[in-house]
Amino acid sequence: MGRGPISTGTATVFAVVIAAVMMTAVAAVLLPPGDGPGLSLPDTASPVEVVAGHNGTAVIRVAMGAANLTECRVYLTDPEGGLHNVETAVLTDSADGRAAYIFCFPAPDRSGYWITDEPKMVFTTAYHPGVQAFSPGDWRVVVYDQTLRKNRIDRVVPVNGPSSPA
């Protein structure tokens, strides 16, 4: 029983069906799962920004609503590409939406970068002689959630000088 070639219309239908199946499979593998049904779109408000700390020194503000920072590791990449671990100064699991601040304060045997949700640590000299300036340039902030095993925040924030409010 010999059959002839399929029609152009039938070939087109099969090609469209195969393309749709392949696109669905690729999207399922490549797109990260969101927090709910449908696609996860990025927030329009950035969870990371540069604000002026004590004496106008730039500090990085991280929105607490973006992640439970007590269950996360925070990393900075400086403008030259150096990776820095951010040490915890004072940090609580605050449900009231307070912000946390990343600041520079060199200490022996430590990275020199700290995170706190205690505003007095960055806006006053109540705990230390004062925070130091980040070097100008683009700093990358990564907040890695150890419980979920994924990045909760991965943003680049420009620091333009000693006082660089976002």
N, C-alpha and C. Protein backbone atom coordinates (compact mmCIF):
# COMPACT_ATOMS: atom_id res chain seq x y z
N MET A 1 0.83 -1.14 0.00
CA MET A 1 0.00 0.00 0.00
C MET A 1 0.89 1.23 0.00
N GLY A 2 0.96 1.91 -1.08
CA GLY A 2 1.81 3.08 -1.21
C GLY A 2 1.07 4.36 -0.89
N ARG A 3 1.73 5.21 -0.15
CA ARG A 3 1.15 6.51 0.18
C ARG A 3 2.01 7.58 -0.45
N GLY A 4 1.39 8.67 -0.80
CA GLY A 4 2.12 9.78 -1.38
C GLY A 4 2.58 10.75 -0.32
N PRO A 5 3.25 11.79 -0.72
CA PRO A 5 3.72 12.80 0.23
C PRO A 5 2.54 13.51 0.89
N ILE A 6 2.79 14.04 2.12
CA ILE A 6 1.73 14.77 2.82
C ILE A 6 1.59 16.15 2.22
N SER A 7 0.44 16.75 2.42
CA SER A 7 0.20 18.06 1.84
C SER A 7 0.95 19.14 2.63
N THR A 8 1.09 20.28 2.00
CA THR A 8 1.76 21.41 2.63
C THR A 8 0.99 21.86 3.87
N GLY A 9 -0.31 21.85 3.81
CA GLY A 9 -1.14 22.24 4.95
C GLY A 9 -0.94 21.31 6.13
N THR A 10 -0.90 20.01 5.89
CA THR A 10 -0.68 19.04 6.96
C THR A 10 0.71 19.22 7.56
N ALA A 11 1.71 19.45 6.75
CA ALA A 11 3.08 19.66 7.24
C ALA A 11 3.15 20.92 8.10
N THR A 12 2.43 21.97 7.70
CA THR A 12 2.42 23.21 8.47
C THR A 12 1.80 22.98 9.85
N VAL A 13 0.69 22.27 9.91
CA VAL A 13 0.03 21.99 11.18
C VAL A 13 0.95 21.21 12.10
N PHE A 14 1.61 20.17 11.58
CA PHE A 14 2.54 19.39 12.39
C PHE A 14 3.71 20.24 12.88
N ALA A 15 4.23 21.12 12.03
CA ALA A 15 5.35 21.98 12.41
C ALA A 15 4.95 22.92 13.54
N VAL A 16 3.75 23.50 13.47
CA VAL A 16 3.28 24.41 14.51
C VAL A 16 3.08 23.66 15.82
N VAL A 17 2.51 22.46 15.77
CA VAL A 17 2.30 21.67 16.98
C VAL A 17 3.63 21.29 17.62
N ILE A 18 4.58 20.84 16.81
CA ILE A 18 5.90 20.47 17.34
C ILE A 18 6.59 21.69 17.95
N ALA A 19 6.51 22.85 17.31
CA ALA A 19 7.13 24.07 17.84
C ALA A 19 6.49 24.47 19.17
N ALA A 20 5.18 24.37 19.28
CA ALA A 20 4.50 24.72 20.52
C ALA A 20 4.90 23.79 21.65
N VAL A 21 5.01 22.50 21.38
CA VAL A 21 5.41 21.54 22.40
C VAL A 21 6.85 21.81 22.84
N MET A 22 7.73 22.09 21.91
CA MET A 22 9.13 22.37 22.25
C MET A 22 9.26 23.65 23.06
N MET A 23 8.53 24.70 22.68
CA MET A 23 8.60 25.97 23.42
C MET A 23 8.08 25.79 24.84
N THR A 24 7.03 25.02 25.02
CA THR A 24 6.50 24.75 26.35
C THR A 24 7.51 24.00 27.20
N ALA A 25 8.17 23.02 26.62
CA ALA A 25 9.18 22.25 27.35
C ALA A 25 10.36 23.12 27.75
N VAL A 26 10.84 23.95 26.84
CA VAL A 26 11.97 24.83 27.13
C VAL A 26 11.59 25.84 28.20
N ALA A 27 10.40 26.43 28.12
CA ALA A 27 9.96 27.40 29.12
C ALA A 27 9.83 26.76 30.49
N ALA A 28 9.36 25.53 30.56
CA ALA A 28 9.23 24.84 31.84
C ALA A 28 10.58 24.59 32.49
N VAL A 29 11.60 24.38 31.68
CA VAL A 29 12.93 24.11 32.22
C VAL A 29 13.66 25.39 32.58
N LEU A 30 13.54 26.43 31.76
CA LEU A 30 14.33 27.64 31.95
C LEU A 30 13.73 28.67 32.87
N LEU A 31 12.41 28.81 32.92
CA LEU A 31 11.80 29.83 33.76
C LEU A 31 11.78 29.37 35.21
N PRO A 32 12.26 30.20 36.15
CA PRO A 32 12.22 29.81 37.56
C PRO A 32 10.79 29.82 38.06
N PRO A 33 10.48 28.96 39.01
CA PRO A 33 9.12 28.98 39.55
C PRO A 33 8.87 30.24 40.33
N GLY A 34 7.68 30.78 40.24
CA GLY A 34 7.32 32.01 40.94
C GLY A 34 6.73 31.70 42.31
N ASP A 35 6.30 32.73 43.00
CA ASP A 35 5.70 32.56 44.31
C ASP A 35 4.24 32.14 44.22
N GLY A 36 3.66 32.19 43.04
CA GLY A 36 2.26 31.83 42.87
C GLY A 36 2.03 31.42 41.44
N PRO A 37 0.77 31.28 41.05
CA PRO A 37 0.49 30.88 39.68
C PRO A 37 0.86 31.97 38.70
N GLY A 38 1.22 31.57 37.49
CA GLY A 38 1.57 32.53 36.45
C GLY A 38 3.02 32.93 36.52
N LEU A 39 3.38 33.90 35.70
CA LEU A 39 4.76 34.38 35.65
C LEU A 39 5.04 35.32 36.81
N SER A 40 6.26 35.29 37.31
CA SER A 40 6.68 36.22 38.35
C SER A 40 7.34 37.41 37.68
N LEU A 41 6.76 38.56 37.81
CA LEU A 41 7.34 39.76 37.23
C LEU A 41 8.13 40.49 38.30
N PRO A 42 9.25 41.14 37.92
CA PRO A 42 10.03 41.85 38.92
C PRO A 42 9.26 43.02 39.51
N ASP A 43 9.54 43.30 40.78
CA ASP A 43 8.92 44.45 41.43
C ASP A 43 9.42 45.73 40.79
N THR A 44 8.55 46.73 40.71
CA THR A 44 8.98 48.01 40.16
C THR A 44 9.79 48.78 41.19
N ALA A 45 9.51 48.58 42.47
CA ALA A 45 10.28 49.23 43.52
C ALA A 45 11.46 48.33 43.87
N SER A 46 12.63 48.90 43.81
CA SER A 46 13.83 48.12 44.07
C SER A 46 13.96 47.82 45.56
N PRO A 47 14.27 46.56 45.92
CA PRO A 47 14.47 46.24 47.32
C PRO A 47 15.84 46.71 47.83
N VAL A 48 16.67 47.27 46.95
CA VAL A 48 18.01 47.71 47.32
C VAL A 48 18.22 49.12 46.79
N GLU A 49 18.73 50.01 47.65
CA GLU A 49 19.03 51.37 47.23
C GLU A 49 20.14 51.94 48.09
N VAL A 50 20.78 52.99 47.60
CA VAL A 50 21.84 53.66 48.36
C VAL A 50 21.23 54.88 49.04
N VAL A 51 21.50 55.02 50.34
CA VAL A 51 21.02 56.17 51.11
C VAL A 51 22.19 56.75 51.88
N ALA A 52 22.01 57.97 52.36
CA ALA A 52 23.07 58.64 53.11
C ALA A 52 22.98 58.26 54.58
N GLY A 53 24.07 57.70 55.11
CA GLY A 53 24.16 57.35 56.51
C GLY A 53 24.76 58.48 57.31
N HIS A 54 25.48 58.16 58.39
CA HIS A 54 26.11 59.15 59.27
C HIS A 54 27.06 60.04 58.47
N ASN A 55 26.93 61.35 58.64
CA ASN A 55 27.74 62.35 57.95
C ASN A 55 27.66 62.24 56.42
N GLY A 56 26.55 61.72 55.90
CA GLY A 56 26.36 61.63 54.45
C GLY A 56 27.09 60.49 53.79
N THR A 57 27.67 59.58 54.57
CA THR A 57 28.38 58.43 54.01
C THR A 57 27.38 57.45 53.42
N ALA A 58 27.65 56.97 52.23
CA ALA A 58 26.74 56.06 51.55
C ALA A 58 26.65 54.71 52.26
N VAL A 59 25.42 54.27 52.48
CA VAL A 59 25.13 52.93 52.99
C VAL A 59 24.08 52.32 52.07
N ILE A 60 23.99 51.01 52.04
CA ILE A 60 23.03 50.33 51.17
C ILE A 60 21.86 49.87 52.01
N ARG A 61 20.67 50.29 51.61
CA ARG A 61 19.43 49.93 52.31
C ARG A 61 18.80 48.74 51.60
N VAL A 62 18.42 47.70 52.38
CA VAL A 62 17.77 46.50 51.86
C VAL A 62 16.40 46.40 52.50
N ALA A 63 15.36 46.29 51.68
CA ALA A 63 14.00 46.18 52.20
C ALA A 63 13.83 44.83 52.88
N MET A 64 13.38 44.83 54.12
CA MET A 64 13.20 43.58 54.87
C MET A 64 12.11 42.71 54.27
N GLY A 65 11.11 43.32 53.63
CA GLY A 65 10.03 42.54 53.03
C GLY A 65 10.50 41.67 51.89
N ALA A 66 11.67 41.95 51.34
CA ALA A 66 12.18 41.18 50.21
C ALA A 66 12.59 39.77 50.63
N ALA A 67 13.00 39.60 51.85
CA ALA A 67 13.45 38.28 52.32
C ALA A 67 13.60 38.32 53.84
N ASN A 68 13.54 37.16 54.47
CA ASN A 68 13.83 37.05 55.89
C ASN A 68 15.36 37.00 56.00
N LEU A 69 15.95 38.12 56.31
CA LEU A 69 17.41 38.22 56.26
C LEU A 69 18.13 37.40 57.31
N THR A 70 17.43 36.96 58.37
CA THR A 70 18.08 36.12 59.36
C THR A 70 18.34 34.72 58.82
N GLU A 71 17.65 34.32 57.76
CA GLU A 71 17.85 33.01 57.13
C GLU A 71 18.67 33.11 55.84
N CYS A 72 19.30 34.25 55.63
CA CYS A 72 20.02 34.49 54.37
C CYS A 72 21.48 34.81 54.60
N ARG A 73 22.27 34.60 53.57
CA ARG A 73 23.66 35.06 53.52
C ARG A 73 23.68 36.22 52.54
N VAL A 74 24.42 37.25 52.88
CA VAL A 74 24.48 38.44 52.05
C VAL A 74 25.91 38.59 51.54
N TYR A 75 26.03 38.87 50.24
CA TYR A 75 27.33 39.03 49.60
C TYR A 75 27.36 40.34 48.82
N LEU A 76 28.53 40.95 48.76
CA LEU A 76 28.76 42.14 47.95
C LEU A 76 29.85 41.85 46.93
N THR A 77 29.68 42.38 45.75
CA THR A 77 30.76 42.37 44.77
C THR A 77 31.10 43.83 44.51
N ASP A 78 32.37 44.21 44.74
CA ASP A 78 32.77 45.60 44.58
C ASP A 78 32.96 45.94 43.10
N PRO A 79 33.16 47.22 42.79
CA PRO A 79 33.30 47.63 41.39
C PRO A 79 34.46 46.96 40.64
N GLU A 80 35.47 46.48 41.36
CA GLU A 80 36.61 45.80 40.73
C GLU A 80 36.37 44.31 40.56
N GLY A 81 35.24 43.79 41.06
CA GLY A 81 34.92 42.38 40.93
C GLY A 81 35.23 41.53 42.14
N GLY A 82 35.71 42.14 43.22
CA GLY A 82 36.02 41.39 44.44
C GLY A 82 34.77 41.01 45.20
N LEU A 83 34.71 39.75 45.65
CA LEU A 83 33.56 39.25 46.40
C LEU A 83 33.80 39.41 47.90
N HIS A 84 32.79 39.94 48.61
CA HIS A 84 32.90 40.18 50.05
C HIS A 84 31.72 39.56 50.77
N ASN A 85 32.00 38.81 51.82
CA ASN A 85 30.96 38.29 52.69
C ASN A 85 30.50 39.43 53.59
N VAL A 86 29.19 39.55 53.81
CA VAL A 86 28.66 40.59 54.68
C VAL A 86 28.36 39.95 56.03
N GLU A 87 29.02 40.47 57.05
CA GLU A 87 28.88 39.96 58.41
C GLU A 87 27.59 40.50 59.04
N THR A 88 27.03 39.78 59.99
CA THR A 88 25.84 40.24 60.70
C THR A 88 26.27 41.02 61.93
N ALA A 89 25.80 42.27 62.03
CA ALA A 89 26.06 43.07 63.22
C ALA A 89 24.90 42.86 64.19
N VAL A 90 23.78 43.49 63.97
CA VAL A 90 22.55 43.29 64.74
C VAL A 90 21.46 43.05 63.70
N LEU A 91 20.78 41.91 63.80
CA LEU A 91 19.76 41.59 62.81
C LEU A 91 18.70 40.72 63.46
N THR A 92 17.44 41.17 63.37
CA THR A 92 16.32 40.41 63.93
C THR A 92 15.36 40.06 62.81
N ASP A 93 14.53 39.07 63.03
CA ASP A 93 13.49 38.70 62.07
C ASP A 93 12.30 39.61 62.31
N SER A 94 12.36 40.78 61.74
CA SER A 94 11.35 41.80 61.99
C SER A 94 10.20 41.68 61.00
N ALA A 95 8.98 41.55 61.52
CA ALA A 95 7.80 41.45 60.67
C ALA A 95 7.18 42.82 60.39
N ASP A 96 7.74 43.87 60.99
CA ASP A 96 7.13 45.19 60.81
C ASP A 96 7.66 45.93 59.58
N GLY A 97 8.45 45.29 58.75
CA GLY A 97 8.90 45.90 57.51
C GLY A 97 10.06 46.87 57.63
N ARG A 98 10.78 46.81 58.72
CA ARG A 98 11.95 47.69 58.86
C ARG A 98 12.99 47.35 57.81
N ALA A 99 13.81 48.30 57.51
CA ALA A 99 14.88 48.09 56.54
C ALA A 99 16.14 47.61 57.25
N ALA A 100 16.99 46.96 56.49
CA ALA A 100 18.33 46.59 56.97
C ALA A 100 19.33 47.42 56.16
N TYR A 101 20.49 47.65 56.73
CA TYR A 101 21.50 48.49 56.10
C TYR A 101 22.82 47.75 56.02
N ILE A 102 23.46 47.84 54.87
CA ILE A 102 24.81 47.30 54.69
C ILE A 102 25.75 48.49 54.77
N PHE A 103 26.76 48.37 55.63
CA PHE A 103 27.69 49.47 55.79
C PHE A 103 29.12 48.95 55.86
N CYS A 104 30.05 49.86 55.66
CA CYS A 104 31.47 49.53 55.68
C CYS A 104 32.06 50.01 57.00
N PHE A 105 32.67 49.07 57.73
CA PHE A 105 33.38 49.39 58.97
C PHE A 105 34.45 48.33 59.16
N PRO A 106 35.70 48.65 58.79
CA PRO A 106 36.78 47.66 58.89
C PRO A 106 36.98 47.18 60.33
N ALA A 107 37.19 45.87 60.46
CA ALA A 107 37.44 45.25 61.76
C ALA A 107 38.47 44.14 61.54
N PRO A 108 39.31 43.88 62.54
CA PRO A 108 40.31 42.82 62.39
C PRO A 108 39.65 41.46 62.14
N ASP A 109 40.20 40.69 61.23
CA ASP A 109 39.74 39.33 60.92
C ASP A 109 38.30 39.26 60.43
N ARG A 110 37.80 40.32 59.86
CA ARG A 110 36.44 40.36 59.31
C ARG A 110 36.49 40.99 57.93
N SER A 111 35.39 40.85 57.18
CA SER A 111 35.36 41.39 55.81
C SER A 111 35.33 42.91 55.80
N GLY A 112 34.79 43.51 56.86
CA GLY A 112 34.67 44.96 56.89
C GLY A 112 33.31 45.45 56.42
N TYR A 113 32.46 44.53 55.94
CA TYR A 113 31.11 44.88 55.50
C TYR A 113 30.11 44.20 56.43
N TRP A 114 29.13 44.96 56.87
CA TRP A 114 28.20 44.51 57.89
C TRP A 114 26.77 44.79 57.47
N ILE A 115 25.83 44.03 58.03
CA ILE A 115 24.40 44.28 57.83
C ILE A 115 23.74 44.39 59.20
N THR A 116 22.81 45.34 59.31
CA THR A 116 22.09 45.56 60.56
C THR A 116 20.70 46.09 60.27
N ASP A 117 19.78 45.85 61.18
CA ASP A 117 18.48 46.51 61.11
C ASP A 117 18.34 47.52 62.26
N GLU A 118 19.44 47.82 62.90
CA GLU A 118 19.50 48.82 63.98
C GLU A 118 19.96 50.15 63.37
N PRO A 119 19.05 51.10 63.12
CA PRO A 119 19.43 52.36 62.46
C PRO A 119 20.54 53.13 63.15
N LYS A 120 20.64 53.04 64.49
CA LYS A 120 21.69 53.78 65.20
C LYS A 120 23.09 53.35 64.78
N MET A 121 23.23 52.14 64.22
CA MET A 121 24.55 51.68 63.79
C MET A 121 25.03 52.40 62.53
N VAL A 122 24.12 52.94 61.73
CA VAL A 122 24.54 53.59 60.49
C VAL A 122 24.29 55.09 60.46
N PHE A 123 23.37 55.57 61.30
CA PHE A 123 23.03 56.99 61.29
C PHE A 123 23.60 57.77 62.47
N THR A 124 24.25 57.07 63.43
CA THR A 124 24.86 57.75 64.58
C THR A 124 26.21 57.09 64.87
N THR A 125 26.86 57.61 65.89
CA THR A 125 28.11 57.00 66.36
C THR A 125 27.90 56.32 67.70
N ALA A 126 26.70 55.85 67.97
CA ALA A 126 26.39 55.20 69.26
C ALA A 126 27.15 53.89 69.45
N TYR A 127 27.46 53.18 68.38
CA TYR A 127 28.12 51.87 68.48
C TYR A 127 29.59 51.89 68.05
N HIS A 128 29.99 52.88 67.27
CA HIS A 128 31.35 52.95 66.72
C HIS A 128 31.63 54.39 66.28
N PRO A 129 32.85 54.70 65.89
CA PRO A 129 33.18 56.08 65.52
C PRO A 129 32.54 56.57 64.22
N GLY A 130 31.92 55.70 63.45
CA GLY A 130 31.26 56.12 62.21
C GLY A 130 31.53 55.15 61.08
N VAL A 131 30.56 55.03 60.20
CA VAL A 131 30.72 54.13 59.05
C VAL A 131 31.64 54.77 58.03
N GLN A 132 32.26 53.94 57.20
CA GLN A 132 33.17 54.44 56.18
C GLN A 132 32.50 54.34 54.80
N ALA A 133 33.03 55.09 53.86
CA ALA A 133 32.43 55.17 52.53
C ALA A 133 32.73 53.92 51.69
N PHE A 134 31.75 53.52 50.89
CA PHE A 134 31.99 52.52 49.85
C PHE A 134 32.76 53.22 48.73
N SER A 135 33.61 52.50 48.04
CA SER A 135 34.28 53.11 46.89
C SER A 135 33.26 53.34 45.79
N PRO A 136 33.40 54.43 45.03
CA PRO A 136 32.44 54.73 43.97
C PRO A 136 32.43 53.64 42.89
N GLY A 137 31.27 53.42 42.31
CA GLY A 137 31.11 52.44 41.25
C GLY A 137 29.89 51.58 41.48
N ASP A 138 29.75 50.55 40.67
CA ASP A 138 28.61 49.66 40.75
C ASP A 138 28.89 48.50 41.71
N TRP A 139 28.09 48.39 42.75
CA TRP A 139 28.18 47.32 43.73
C TRP A 139 27.04 46.34 43.51
N ARG A 140 27.34 45.07 43.50
CA ARG A 140 26.31 44.05 43.34
C ARG A 140 25.97 43.48 44.72
N VAL A 141 24.67 43.44 45.03
CA VAL A 141 24.18 42.92 46.30
C VAL A 141 23.43 41.62 46.01
N VAL A 142 23.87 40.54 46.65
CA VAL A 142 23.20 39.25 46.50
C VAL A 142 22.76 38.78 47.88
N VAL A 143 21.47 38.47 48.00
CA VAL A 143 20.92 37.91 49.23
C VAL A 143 20.49 36.49 48.89
N TYR A 144 21.22 35.52 49.46
CA TYR A 144 20.97 34.11 49.19
C TYR A 144 20.20 33.49 50.35
N ASP A 145 19.01 32.99 50.06
CA ASP A 145 18.16 32.36 51.07
C ASP A 145 18.63 30.92 51.25
N GLN A 146 19.20 30.61 52.42
CA GLN A 146 19.73 29.28 52.68
C GLN A 146 18.63 28.24 52.84
N THR A 147 17.44 28.66 53.27
CA THR A 147 16.33 27.72 53.44
C THR A 147 15.75 27.32 52.08
N LEU A 148 15.50 28.32 51.22
CA LEU A 148 14.93 28.04 49.91
C LEU A 148 15.98 27.66 48.87
N ARG A 149 17.24 27.89 49.21
CA ARG A 149 18.37 27.61 48.32
C ARG A 149 18.26 28.34 46.98
N LYS A 150 17.99 29.64 47.08
CA LYS A 150 17.94 30.47 45.88
C LYS A 150 18.23 31.91 46.26
N ASN A 151 18.62 32.69 45.25
CA ASN A 151 18.85 34.11 45.46
C ASN A 151 17.51 34.82 45.61
N ARG A 152 17.35 35.58 46.69
CA ARG A 152 16.15 36.38 46.89
C ARG A 152 16.33 37.76 46.29
N ILE A 153 17.56 38.26 46.33
CA ILE A 153 17.88 39.57 45.76
C ILE A 153 19.20 39.42 45.02
N ASP A 154 19.26 39.99 43.83
CA ASP A 154 20.50 40.06 43.05
C ASP A 154 20.41 41.35 42.25
N ARG A 155 20.95 42.42 42.82
CA ARG A 155 20.82 43.75 42.22
C ARG A 155 22.17 44.46 42.20
N VAL A 156 22.33 45.29 41.20
CA VAL A 156 23.49 46.17 41.11
C VAL A 156 23.02 47.56 41.49
N VAL A 157 23.74 48.17 42.40
CA VAL A 157 23.38 49.51 42.87
C VAL A 157 24.60 50.43 42.70
N PRO A 158 24.43 51.57 42.03
CA PRO A 158 25.56 52.48 41.84
C PRO A 158 25.81 53.34 43.09
N VAL A 159 27.06 53.43 43.47
CA VAL A 159 27.48 54.33 44.54
C VAL A 159 28.32 55.40 43.85
N ASN A 160 27.83 56.62 43.90
CA ASN A 160 28.47 57.71 43.14
C ASN A 160 29.39 58.59 43.97
N GLY A 161 29.51 58.32 45.23
CA GLY A 161 30.38 59.14 46.06
C GLY A 161 29.99 58.99 47.52
N PRO A 162 30.54 59.84 48.37
CA PRO A 162 30.27 59.70 49.78
C PRO A 162 28.80 59.91 50.13
N SER A 163 28.06 60.68 49.38
CA SER A 163 26.64 60.84 49.63
C SER A 163 25.90 60.58 48.34
N SER A 164 25.29 59.41 48.22
CA SER A 164 24.66 59.02 46.97
C SER A 164 23.24 58.51 47.21
N PRO A 165 22.34 59.41 47.61
CA PRO A 165 20.98 58.92 47.84
C PRO A 165 20.36 58.43 46.53
N ALA A 166 19.62 57.33 46.61
CA ALA A 166 19.02 56.75 45.41
C ALA A 166 17.77 57.52 45.01
